[in-house]
N, C-alpha and C. Protein backbone atom coordinates (compact mmCIF):
# COMPACT_ATOMS: atom_id res chain seq x y z
N MET A 1 83.11 107.10 95.17
CA MET A 1 84.53 107.20 94.87
C MET A 1 84.99 105.90 94.22
N THR A 2 85.80 106.03 93.19
CA THR A 2 86.37 104.87 92.52
C THR A 2 87.57 104.39 93.31
N THR A 3 87.53 103.16 93.79
CA THR A 3 88.62 102.67 94.64
C THR A 3 89.92 102.46 93.89
N SER A 4 89.88 102.05 92.63
CA SER A 4 91.12 101.77 91.92
C SER A 4 91.92 103.02 91.59
N THR A 5 91.27 104.16 91.47
CA THR A 5 91.97 105.39 91.13
C THR A 5 91.89 106.46 92.21
N GLY A 6 91.00 106.28 93.17
CA GLY A 6 90.80 107.30 94.19
C GLY A 6 89.86 108.40 93.75
N GLY A 7 89.36 108.32 92.53
CA GLY A 7 88.47 109.36 92.03
C GLY A 7 89.28 110.55 91.52
N PRO A 8 88.60 111.61 91.10
CA PRO A 8 89.29 112.77 90.55
C PRO A 8 90.04 113.54 91.64
N ALA A 9 91.22 114.05 91.29
CA ALA A 9 92.02 114.82 92.24
C ALA A 9 91.63 116.29 92.23
N PHE A 10 91.42 116.85 91.06
CA PHE A 10 91.10 118.27 90.94
C PHE A 10 89.95 118.46 89.95
N PRO A 11 88.77 118.00 90.31
CA PRO A 11 87.66 118.10 89.36
C PRO A 11 87.18 119.54 89.19
N ASN A 12 86.73 119.84 88.00
CA ASN A 12 86.06 121.10 87.72
C ASN A 12 84.69 120.71 87.21
N GLU A 13 83.72 120.82 88.05
CA GLU A 13 82.37 120.37 87.71
C GLU A 13 81.62 121.39 86.86
N GLY A 14 82.28 122.46 86.49
CA GLY A 14 81.60 123.47 85.69
C GLY A 14 80.72 124.34 86.58
N GLY A 15 79.61 124.69 86.10
CA GLY A 15 78.70 125.54 86.85
C GLY A 15 77.86 126.35 85.87
N ALA A 16 77.13 127.26 86.40
CA ALA A 16 76.27 128.09 85.56
C ALA A 16 77.10 128.84 84.53
N GLY A 17 76.77 128.69 83.28
CA GLY A 17 77.47 129.38 82.21
C GLY A 17 78.75 128.70 81.77
N ASN A 18 79.16 127.63 82.44
CA ASN A 18 80.38 126.94 82.05
C ASN A 18 80.00 125.76 81.17
N LEU A 19 80.55 125.71 79.97
CA LEU A 19 80.15 124.70 79.00
C LEU A 19 81.01 123.45 79.03
N TRP A 20 82.00 123.36 79.92
CA TRP A 20 82.85 122.18 79.95
C TRP A 20 82.85 121.57 81.33
N ASN A 21 83.18 120.31 81.35
CA ASN A 21 83.23 119.55 82.60
C ASN A 21 84.51 118.72 82.56
N ASP A 22 85.44 119.00 83.45
CA ASP A 22 86.72 118.33 83.45
C ASP A 22 86.91 117.63 84.79
N LYS A 23 86.99 116.33 84.77
CA LYS A 23 87.15 115.56 86.00
C LYS A 23 88.57 115.64 86.54
N GLY A 24 89.52 116.12 85.76
CA GLY A 24 90.89 116.24 86.23
C GLY A 24 91.60 114.89 86.29
N MET A 25 92.84 114.91 86.77
CA MET A 25 93.60 113.66 86.91
C MET A 25 93.05 112.86 88.09
N THR A 26 93.40 111.60 88.13
CA THR A 26 92.94 110.78 89.25
C THR A 26 93.83 111.03 90.46
N LEU A 27 93.30 110.73 91.61
CA LEU A 27 94.07 110.86 92.84
C LEU A 27 95.27 109.92 92.80
N ARG A 28 95.10 108.75 92.19
CA ARG A 28 96.21 107.79 92.05
C ARG A 28 97.35 108.40 91.24
N ASP A 29 97.01 109.06 90.12
CA ASP A 29 98.04 109.71 89.30
C ASP A 29 98.72 110.84 90.07
N TYR A 30 97.95 111.61 90.82
CA TYR A 30 98.52 112.70 91.61
C TYR A 30 99.49 112.16 92.65
N PHE A 31 99.06 111.13 93.39
CA PHE A 31 99.95 110.53 94.38
C PHE A 31 101.22 109.98 93.73
N ALA A 32 101.07 109.30 92.58
CA ALA A 32 102.24 108.73 91.89
C ALA A 32 103.19 109.83 91.44
N GLY A 33 102.66 110.93 90.95
CA GLY A 33 103.50 112.04 90.51
C GLY A 33 104.30 112.63 91.67
N LYS A 34 103.64 112.77 92.81
CA LYS A 34 104.34 113.28 93.99
C LYS A 34 105.42 112.31 94.44
N ALA A 35 105.11 111.03 94.44
CA ALA A 35 106.09 110.02 94.85
C ALA A 35 107.26 110.00 93.88
N MET A 36 106.98 110.09 92.57
CA MET A 36 108.04 110.07 91.58
C MET A 36 108.96 111.27 91.75
N GLY A 37 108.39 112.43 92.01
CA GLY A 37 109.21 113.62 92.23
C GLY A 37 110.16 113.44 93.41
N ALA A 38 109.66 112.83 94.46
CA ALA A 38 110.51 112.60 95.64
C ALA A 38 111.61 111.59 95.33
N LEU A 39 111.28 110.57 94.57
CA LEU A 39 112.29 109.56 94.22
C LEU A 39 113.39 110.16 93.34
N LEU A 40 113.02 111.00 92.41
CA LEU A 40 113.98 111.52 91.45
C LEU A 40 114.99 112.50 92.05
N VAL A 41 114.66 113.11 93.17
CA VAL A 41 115.63 114.02 93.80
C VAL A 41 116.60 113.27 94.72
N ASP A 42 116.33 112.00 94.96
CA ASP A 42 117.22 111.17 95.79
C ASP A 42 118.29 110.57 94.89
N PRO A 43 119.55 110.91 95.11
CA PRO A 43 120.62 110.41 94.23
C PRO A 43 120.69 108.88 94.13
N SER A 44 120.23 108.17 95.13
CA SER A 44 120.31 106.71 95.08
C SER A 44 119.37 106.12 94.02
N TRP A 45 118.42 106.88 93.51
CA TRP A 45 117.49 106.39 92.49
C TRP A 45 117.94 106.75 91.07
N GLN A 46 119.00 107.52 90.93
CA GLN A 46 119.40 108.03 89.61
C GLN A 46 119.88 106.95 88.65
N GLY A 47 120.29 105.79 89.15
CA GLY A 47 120.73 104.72 88.27
C GLY A 47 119.61 103.84 87.76
N ASN A 48 118.39 104.06 88.21
CA ASN A 48 117.26 103.24 87.80
C ASN A 48 116.65 103.75 86.50
N THR A 49 116.01 102.86 85.77
CA THR A 49 115.32 103.27 84.55
C THR A 49 114.06 104.04 84.91
N THR A 50 113.58 104.82 83.97
CA THR A 50 112.36 105.59 84.22
C THR A 50 111.18 104.66 84.48
N GLY A 51 111.17 103.51 83.81
CA GLY A 51 110.10 102.54 84.03
C GLY A 51 110.10 102.01 85.45
N THR A 52 111.28 101.77 85.99
CA THR A 52 111.39 101.28 87.37
C THR A 52 110.90 102.34 88.35
N VAL A 53 111.33 103.57 88.15
CA VAL A 53 110.92 104.66 89.04
C VAL A 53 109.40 104.85 88.97
N ALA A 54 108.84 104.82 87.77
CA ALA A 54 107.40 104.98 87.60
C ALA A 54 106.65 103.84 88.29
N ALA A 55 107.13 102.61 88.13
CA ALA A 55 106.47 101.46 88.76
C ALA A 55 106.48 101.58 90.27
N ILE A 56 107.60 102.00 90.84
CA ILE A 56 107.69 102.18 92.29
C ILE A 56 106.76 103.31 92.73
N ALA A 57 106.70 104.39 91.95
CA ALA A 57 105.83 105.51 92.29
C ALA A 57 104.37 105.06 92.34
N TYR A 58 103.95 104.23 91.36
CA TYR A 58 102.57 103.74 91.37
C TYR A 58 102.32 102.73 92.49
N GLU A 59 103.34 101.97 92.84
CA GLU A 59 103.20 101.09 94.00
C GLU A 59 102.95 101.92 95.26
N MET A 60 103.68 103.01 95.39
CA MET A 60 103.49 103.90 96.53
C MET A 60 102.10 104.53 96.51
N ALA A 61 101.67 104.95 95.33
CA ALA A 61 100.34 105.55 95.20
C ALA A 61 99.26 104.54 95.58
N ASN A 62 99.41 103.31 95.13
CA ASN A 62 98.43 102.27 95.47
C ASN A 62 98.39 102.04 96.98
N ALA A 63 99.56 102.05 97.61
CA ALA A 63 99.61 101.88 99.07
C ALA A 63 98.95 103.05 99.78
N MET A 64 99.14 104.25 99.25
CA MET A 64 98.52 105.42 99.84
C MET A 64 96.99 105.33 99.75
N LEU A 65 96.49 104.91 98.58
CA LEU A 65 95.04 104.77 98.41
C LEU A 65 94.48 103.69 99.33
N LYS A 66 95.21 102.60 99.45
CA LYS A 66 94.76 101.51 100.33
C LYS A 66 94.69 102.00 101.77
N GLU A 67 95.71 102.72 102.21
CA GLU A 67 95.72 103.24 103.58
C GLU A 67 94.59 104.26 103.77
N ARG A 68 94.35 105.06 102.74
CA ARG A 68 93.29 106.06 102.81
C ARG A 68 91.92 105.41 103.01
N GLU A 69 91.71 104.26 102.39
CA GLU A 69 90.44 103.55 102.52
C GLU A 69 90.25 102.97 103.92
N GLN A 70 91.35 102.77 104.65
CA GLN A 70 91.27 102.22 106.01
C GLN A 70 90.73 103.23 107.00
N LYS A 71 90.81 104.49 106.68
CA LYS A 71 90.40 105.58 107.59
C LYS A 71 88.92 105.82 107.57
């Protein structure tokens, strides 16, 4: 597993007769997307720039990956 990204979130390794191999998004990106969605529905975050919200979402994703490695 890649520690900086958490590895693939939804890999499709292909299989017999499948000519493509898609590793999918990283677990870090998936966690950040979920965090960003939660932030955007909270009215207190609506005054922030998209860059700020994205940065906070990735900070949360990084914390989630770090905690995951502790287990």
